[in-house]
Amino acid sequence: MDYLEVISMKGISINVLLVGDGAREHILAEKLYEDSNVYAIMSRTNPGIATIAKSIRICDLKDAEAVRSAAESFSVSFDVGF
C-alpha cells in the first residue's frame, strides 16, 4: 500500500498541520487536501501550498518554540513534517 493512500482517509475530514515548504510538502498538501483541511507552517511562502492551505504561518522552522507557538494557533488532529 502506498504511503499517500494510508494518510488519505476517505470520507473523513480532519484538520492536518503540514510543516515545511518544499516540493515534498507540496505533494503531500495536494493529496491531503482531497479529504482534509490543510494548515501549514512554512519558513517561506510556497505558492502551491498557500493556494491549498486554509491558513498558513511563516516562521523559522529551526526554532522549535516558534513552530510550537504557530502550531498552537491551529486546531489540528494530525501533523506531517520532514
C-alpha atoms as a PDB file:
ATOM      1  CA  MET A   1       0.000   0.000   0.000  1.00  0.00           C
ATOM      2  CA  ASP A   2       1.299   3.434  -0.958  1.00  0.00           C
ATOM      3  CA  TYR A   3       2.103   5.867   1.906  1.00  0.00           C
ATOM      4  CA  LEU A   4      -0.173   8.544   0.460  1.00  0.00           C
ATOM      5  CA  GLU A   5      -3.046   6.037   0.339  1.00  0.00           C
ATOM      6  CA  VAL A   6      -2.594   5.351   4.044  1.00  0.00           C
ATOM      7  CA  ILE A   7      -2.783   9.013   5.073  1.00  0.00           C
ATOM      8  CA  SER A   8      -5.744   9.720   2.790  1.00  0.00           C
ATOM      9  CA  MET A   9      -8.736   8.899   4.981  1.00  0.00           C
ATOM     10  CA  LYS A  10     -11.617   8.679   2.502  1.00  0.00           C
ATOM     11  CA  GLY A  11     -14.836  10.119   3.849  1.00  0.00           C
ATOM     12  CA  ILE A  12     -13.274  11.585   6.998  1.00  0.00           C
ATOM     13  CA  SER A  13     -12.493  15.301   7.063  1.00  0.00           C
ATOM     14  CA  ILE A  14      -9.765  16.140   9.553  1.00  0.00           C
ATOM     15  CA  ASN A  15      -7.564  19.151  10.242  1.00  0.00           C
ATOM     16  CA  VAL A  16      -3.968  18.434   9.225  1.00  0.00           C
ATOM     17  CA  LEU A  17      -0.911  20.506  10.082  1.00  0.00           C
ATOM     18  CA  LEU A  18       1.814  20.440   7.426  1.00  0.00           C
ATOM     19  CA  VAL A  19       5.258  21.682   8.487  1.00  0.00           C
ATOM     20  CA  GLY A  20       7.631  22.578   5.663  1.00  0.00           C
ATOM     21  CA  ASP A  21       7.688  24.456   2.373  1.00  0.00           C
ATOM     22  CA  GLY A  22       9.376  22.222  -0.179  1.00  0.00           C
ATOM     23  CA  ALA A  23       8.258  20.098  -3.111  1.00  0.00           C
ATOM     24  CA  ARG A  24       7.592  17.023  -0.906  1.00  0.00           C
ATOM     25  CA  GLU A  25       5.329  19.047   1.349  1.00  0.00           C
ATOM     26  CA  HIS A  26       3.530  20.491  -1.682  1.00  0.00           C
ATOM     27  CA  ILE A  27       2.739  16.987  -2.975  1.00  0.00           C
ATOM     28  CA  LEU A  28       1.575  15.925   0.493  1.00  0.00           C
ATOM     29  CA  ALA A  29      -0.596  19.051   0.740  1.00  0.00           C
ATOM     30  CA  GLU A  30      -2.241  18.248  -2.596  1.00  0.00           C
ATOM     31  CA  LYS A  31      -3.031  14.675  -1.521  1.00  0.00           C
ATOM     32  CA  LEU A  32      -4.173  15.651   1.970  1.00  0.00           C
ATOM     33  CA  TYR A  33      -6.378  18.425   0.547  1.00  0.00           C
ATOM     34  CA  GLU A  34      -8.592  15.789  -1.108  1.00  0.00           C
ATOM     35  CA  ASP A  35     -10.028  14.743   2.268  1.00  0.00           C
ATOM     36  CA  SER A  36      -8.752  17.207   4.852  1.00  0.00           C
ATOM     37  CA  ASN A  37      -8.438  20.797   5.910  1.00  0.00           C
ATOM     38  CA  VAL A  38      -4.743  21.609   5.487  1.00  0.00           C
ATOM     39  CA  TYR A  39      -2.987  24.190   7.663  1.00  0.00           C
ATOM     40  CA  ALA A  40       0.692  24.945   7.028  1.00  0.00           C
ATOM     41  CA  ILE A  41       3.746  26.285   8.829  1.00  0.00           C
ATOM     42  CA  MET A  42       6.493  27.339   6.409  1.00  0.00           C
ATOM     43  CA  SER A  43       9.782  29.232   6.560  1.00  0.00           C
ATOM     44  CA  ARG A  44       8.885  30.983   3.306  1.00  0.00           C
ATOM     45  CA  THR A  45       5.730  31.033   1.230  1.00  0.00           C
ATOM     46  CA  ASN A  46       5.334  28.138  -1.174  1.00  0.00           C
ATOM     47  CA  PRO A  47       2.690  29.401  -3.643  1.00  0.00           C
ATOM     48  CA  GLY A  48       1.314  25.902  -4.270  1.00  0.00           C
ATOM     49  CA  ILE A  49       0.846  25.136  -0.577  1.00  0.00           C
ATOM     50  CA  ALA A  50      -0.504  28.633   0.088  1.00  0.00           C
ATOM     51  CA  THR A  51      -3.228  28.031  -2.509  1.00  0.00           C
ATOM     52  CA  ILE A  52      -4.245  24.720  -0.898  1.00  0.00           C
ATOM     53  CA  ALA A  53      -3.967  25.542   2.812  1.00  0.00           C
ATOM     54  CA  LYS A  54      -6.849  27.066   4.748  1.00  0.00           C
ATOM     55  CA  SER A  55      -4.306  29.109   6.692  1.00  0.00           C
ATOM     56  CA  ILE A  56      -0.530  29.465   6.833  1.00  0.00           C
ATOM     57  CA  ARG A  57       2.021  30.790   9.303  1.00  0.00           C
ATOM     58  CA  ILE A  58       5.547  31.851   8.382  1.00  0.00           C
ATOM     59  CA  CYS A  59       8.293  31.225  10.943  1.00  0.00           C
ATOM     60  CA  ASP A  60      11.814  29.842  11.321  1.00  0.00           C
ATOM     61  CA  LEU A  61      11.353  26.044  11.115  1.00  0.00           C
ATOM     62  CA  LYS A  62      14.607  25.549  13.070  1.00  0.00           C
ATOM     63  CA  ASP A  63      13.139  27.456  16.028  1.00  0.00           C
ATOM     64  CA  ALA A  64      11.154  24.819  17.927  1.00  0.00           C
ATOM     65  CA  GLU A  65       9.420  27.404  20.134  1.00  0.00           C
ATOM     66  CA  ALA A  66       8.263  29.414  17.095  1.00  0.00           C
ATOM     67  CA  VAL A  67       6.908  26.260  15.415  1.00  0.00           C
ATOM     68  CA  ARG A  68       5.149  25.180  18.633  1.00  0.00           C
ATOM     69  CA  SER A  69       3.598  28.617  19.040  1.00  0.00           C
ATOM     70  CA  ALA A  70       2.420  28.673  15.421  1.00  0.00           C
ATOM     71  CA  ALA A  71       1.062  25.105  15.695  1.00  0.00           C
ATOM     72  CA  GLU A  72      -0.973  26.002  18.774  1.00  0.00           C
ATOM     73  CA  SER A  73      -2.872  28.570  16.706  1.00  0.00           C
ATOM     74  CA  PHE A  74      -4.396  25.730  14.655  1.00  0.00           C
ATOM     75  CA  SER A  75      -6.808  23.084  15.941  1.00  0.00           C
ATOM     76  CA  VAL A  76      -5.403  20.001  14.223  1.00  0.00           C
ATOM     77  CA  SER A  77      -5.928  16.260  14.524  1.00  0.00           C
ATOM     78  CA  PHE A  78      -2.818  15.148  12.639  1.00  0.00           C
ATOM     79  CA  ASP A  79       0.531  16.674  11.725  1.00  0.00           C
ATOM     80  CA  VAL A  80       3.022  15.989   8.929  1.00  0.00           C
ATOM     81  CA  GLY A  81       6.576  17.252   8.621  1.00  0.00           C
ATOM     82  CA  PHE A  82      10.017  16.300   7.296  1.00  0.00           C
END
